[in-house]
Amino acid sequence: MKTGKKIWLCISGLLLIALGVFCIANPNVTLISTARILGFATLILGIVKLMFTFRTQAFIPYSGSRMLSALIDIFFGCFILFHLFGTAISLPVLFAIWVIIQGISVAVQSFDYKKAGFSIWWIILILGICGAILGFFGLKNLDITAATLSGLIGIAIIILGLAHIFAVIGVSRIEKAIKG
């Protein structure tokens, strides 16, 4: 790999790390940015689905439900984009509710493992209950949930930045080994 490409890969890694730190330090900005991305993604999804519906209408009849789904996506995408602050505020609530539902689901599924003879099914039960409890804790403490979401996003971005830097190190070592 050329030196210039390595430098740019390192720079992009450092920029990602800086962005990750920024996300952790600024949870409100991170949630609003996440809401904006969600809004654009939903809007684009709706437009693509609508175009697909129009292009396939001739050979896939009865595409009304697909068109309705596309229009709903477009509506929600626009709604999110015009209500970024409200969406950003609701993200921690939605995340907490999702964690509660997943925790309860895991706890219920643990009994299926028990019926199947899985000897440590009770660990899955305990983990499911803990997940649900954490979800309820998240609903009671939305500031902490918002900071946690922003922190997770920031950590993920930092990890990607580190991956860029380690990729450069790995390529450099491979090149040295090949040159001998």
Protein backbone atom coordinates (compact mmCIF):
# COMPACT_ATOMS: atom_id res chain seq x y z
CA MET A 1 0.00 0.00 0.00
CA LYS A 2 1.34 3.41 -0.90
CA THR A 3 2.46 5.69 1.92
CA GLY A 4 -0.14 8.32 0.99
CA LYS A 5 -2.98 5.80 1.39
CA LYS A 6 -1.60 4.73 4.76
CA ILE A 7 -1.48 8.34 5.91
CA TRP A 8 -5.08 8.93 4.82
CA LEU A 9 -6.19 5.73 6.54
CA CYS A 10 -4.48 6.87 9.75
CA ILE A 11 -6.03 10.33 9.43
CA SER A 12 -9.48 8.83 8.94
CA GLY A 13 -8.88 6.60 11.97
CA LEU A 14 -7.90 9.57 14.10
CA LEU A 15 -10.92 11.55 12.87
CA LEU A 16 -13.23 8.65 13.74
CA ILE A 17 -11.70 8.46 17.22
CA ALA A 18 -12.22 12.22 17.66
CA LEU A 19 -15.82 11.87 16.44
CA GLY A 20 -16.39 9.03 18.90
CA VAL A 21 -15.08 11.13 21.78
CA PHE A 22 -17.31 14.00 20.62
CA CYS A 23 -20.35 11.68 20.61
CA ILE A 24 -19.62 10.56 24.16
CA ALA A 25 -19.08 14.14 25.34
CA ASN A 26 -22.21 15.51 23.59
CA PRO A 27 -25.09 13.04 24.01
CA ASN A 28 -27.80 15.48 22.92
CA VAL A 29 -26.07 16.28 19.63
CA THR A 30 -25.49 12.56 19.06
CA LEU A 31 -29.17 11.71 19.56
CA ILE A 32 -30.30 14.51 17.25
CA SER A 33 -27.80 13.34 14.61
CA THR A 34 -29.05 9.77 15.05
CA ALA A 35 -32.62 10.99 14.61
CA ARG A 36 -31.59 12.86 11.43
CA ILE A 37 -29.96 9.73 9.99
CA LEU A 38 -33.02 7.68 10.93
CA GLY A 39 -35.29 10.23 9.23
CA PHE A 40 -33.27 10.32 6.01
CA ALA A 41 -32.94 6.52 5.93
CA THR A 42 -36.69 6.03 6.40
CA LEU A 43 -37.51 8.65 3.76
CA ILE A 44 -35.10 7.10 1.24
CA LEU A 45 -36.44 3.62 2.00
CA GLY A 46 -39.97 4.84 1.32
CA ILE A 47 -38.98 6.49 -1.96
CA VAL A 48 -37.15 3.36 -3.14
CA LYS A 49 -40.11 1.16 -2.19
CA LEU A 50 -42.49 3.50 -4.03
CA MET A 51 -40.30 3.44 -7.15
CA PHE A 52 -40.14 -0.37 -6.94
CA THR A 53 -43.92 -0.52 -6.65
CA PHE A 54 -44.41 1.62 -9.75
CA ARG A 55 -41.83 -0.34 -11.75
CA THR A 56 -43.29 -3.75 -10.84
CA GLN A 57 -46.99 -2.89 -10.94
CA ALA A 58 -47.41 -4.38 -14.42
CA PHE A 59 -46.26 -7.88 -13.45
CA ILE A 60 -46.97 -7.91 -9.71
CA PRO A 61 -50.66 -7.05 -9.39
CA TYR A 62 -52.32 -6.05 -6.14
CA SER A 63 -49.37 -3.97 -4.98
CA GLY A 64 -51.51 -1.65 -2.91
CA SER A 65 -50.06 -2.85 0.39
CA ARG A 66 -46.52 -2.24 -0.88
CA MET A 67 -47.51 1.26 -1.98
CA LEU A 68 -49.15 1.93 1.38
CA SER A 69 -46.00 0.72 3.16
CA ALA A 70 -43.87 3.03 0.98
CA LEU A 71 -46.12 6.02 1.66
CA ILE A 72 -46.05 5.30 5.41
CA ASP A 73 -42.23 5.18 5.29
CA ILE A 74 -42.14 8.50 3.43
CA PHE A 75 -44.56 10.03 5.94
CA PHE A 76 -42.53 8.81 8.94
CA GLY A 77 -39.26 9.91 7.33
CA CYS A 78 -40.64 13.42 6.82
CA PHE A 79 -42.18 13.42 10.30
CA ILE A 80 -38.86 12.50 11.89
CA LEU A 81 -36.96 15.11 9.87
CA PHE A 82 -39.43 17.86 10.81
CA HIS A 83 -39.44 16.78 14.48
CA LEU A 84 -35.78 15.97 15.15
CA PHE A 85 -35.83 17.11 18.78
CA GLY A 86 -38.92 15.06 19.59
CA THR A 87 -37.45 12.01 17.90
CA ALA A 88 -34.15 12.47 19.73
CA ILE A 89 -36.01 12.65 23.04
CA SER A 90 -38.03 9.53 22.21
CA LEU A 91 -35.00 7.38 21.25
CA PRO A 92 -34.05 6.60 24.89
CA VAL A 93 -37.70 5.72 25.66
CA LEU A 94 -37.94 3.43 22.64
CA PHE A 95 -34.61 1.82 23.50
CA ALA A 96 -35.67 1.20 27.11
CA ILE A 97 -38.99 -0.32 25.98
CA TRP A 98 -37.14 -2.52 23.48
CA VAL A 99 -34.79 -3.75 26.26
CA ILE A 100 -37.79 -4.54 28.50
CA ILE A 101 -39.51 -6.51 25.72
CA GLN A 102 -36.31 -8.39 24.82
CA GLY A 103 -35.62 -9.17 28.49
CA ILE A 104 -39.11 -10.58 29.01
CA SER A 105 -38.82 -12.53 25.76
CA VAL A 106 -35.50 -14.08 26.83
CA ALA A 107 -36.93 -14.96 30.25
CA VAL A 108 -39.95 -16.67 28.67
CA GLN A 109 -37.75 -18.51 26.16
CA SER A 110 -35.62 -19.87 29.00
CA PHE A 111 -38.48 -22.23 29.87
CA ASP A 112 -38.23 -23.69 26.35
CA TYR A 113 -34.60 -24.46 27.11
CA LYS A 114 -35.66 -26.09 30.37
CA LYS A 115 -38.17 -28.29 28.53
CA ALA A 116 -35.42 -29.22 26.05
CA GLY A 117 -33.25 -30.42 28.93
CA PHE A 118 -30.73 -27.57 28.92
CA SER A 119 -29.25 -27.82 32.42
CA ILE A 120 -28.39 -24.17 32.95
CA TRP A 121 -31.65 -22.72 31.58
CA TRP A 122 -31.96 -20.72 34.77
CA ILE A 123 -28.98 -18.53 33.77
CA ILE A 124 -30.93 -17.45 30.65
CA LEU A 125 -33.94 -16.76 32.90
CA ILE A 126 -31.87 -14.61 35.25
CA LEU A 127 -30.27 -12.72 32.33
CA GLY A 128 -33.70 -12.06 30.82
CA ILE A 129 -35.02 -10.76 34.12
CA CYS A 130 -31.91 -8.58 34.54
CA GLY A 131 -32.42 -7.21 31.03
CA ALA A 132 -36.04 -6.33 31.77
CA ILE A 133 -35.05 -4.69 35.07
CA LEU A 134 -32.39 -2.63 33.28
CA GLY A 135 -35.01 -1.60 30.74
CA PHE A 136 -37.31 -0.39 33.53
CA PHE A 137 -34.33 1.39 35.10
CA GLY A 138 -33.73 3.03 31.71
CA LEU A 139 -37.33 4.27 31.58
CA LYS A 140 -37.01 5.77 35.04
CA ASN A 141 -33.68 7.45 34.23
CA LEU A 142 -33.92 8.69 30.66
CA ASP A 143 -30.91 11.00 31.02
CA ILE A 144 -28.72 8.01 31.86
CA THR A 145 -30.26 6.02 28.99
CA ALA A 146 -29.59 8.86 26.54
CA ALA A 147 -26.00 9.18 27.73
CA THR A 148 -25.58 5.40 27.47
CA LEU A 149 -26.88 5.36 23.88
CA SER A 150 -24.58 8.21 22.93
CA GLY A 151 -21.72 6.47 24.71
CA LEU A 152 -22.33 3.25 22.80
CA ILE A 153 -22.43 5.13 19.51
CA GLY A 154 -19.22 6.94 20.47
CA ILE A 155 -17.47 3.73 21.51
CA ALA A 156 -18.49 2.03 18.25
CA ILE A 157 -17.05 4.93 16.24
CA ILE A 158 -13.83 4.89 18.30
CA ILE A 159 -13.49 1.14 17.66
CA LEU A 160 -13.85 1.75 13.91
CA GLY A 161 -11.16 4.43 14.10
CA LEU A 162 -8.82 2.08 15.94
CA ALA A 163 -9.53 -0.58 13.31
CA HIS A 164 -8.32 1.84 10.62
CA ILE A 165 -5.09 2.49 12.51
CA PHE A 166 -4.48 -1.21 13.22
CA ALA A 167 -5.15 -1.98 9.55
CA VAL A 168 -2.31 0.35 8.59
CA ILE A 169 -0.04 -1.32 11.14
CA GLY A 170 -1.03 -4.75 9.82
CA VAL A 171 -0.47 -3.81 6.18
CA SER A 172 2.91 -2.29 7.04
CA ARG A 173 4.00 -5.49 8.81
CA ILE A 174 2.83 -7.66 5.91
CA GLU A 175 4.70 -5.46 3.45
CA LYS A 176 7.89 -5.70 5.54
CA ALA A 177 7.54 -9.49 5.75
CA ILE A 178 7.11 -9.75 1.98
CA LYS A 179 10.11 -7.52 1.26
CA GLY A 180 12.06 -9.75 3.58
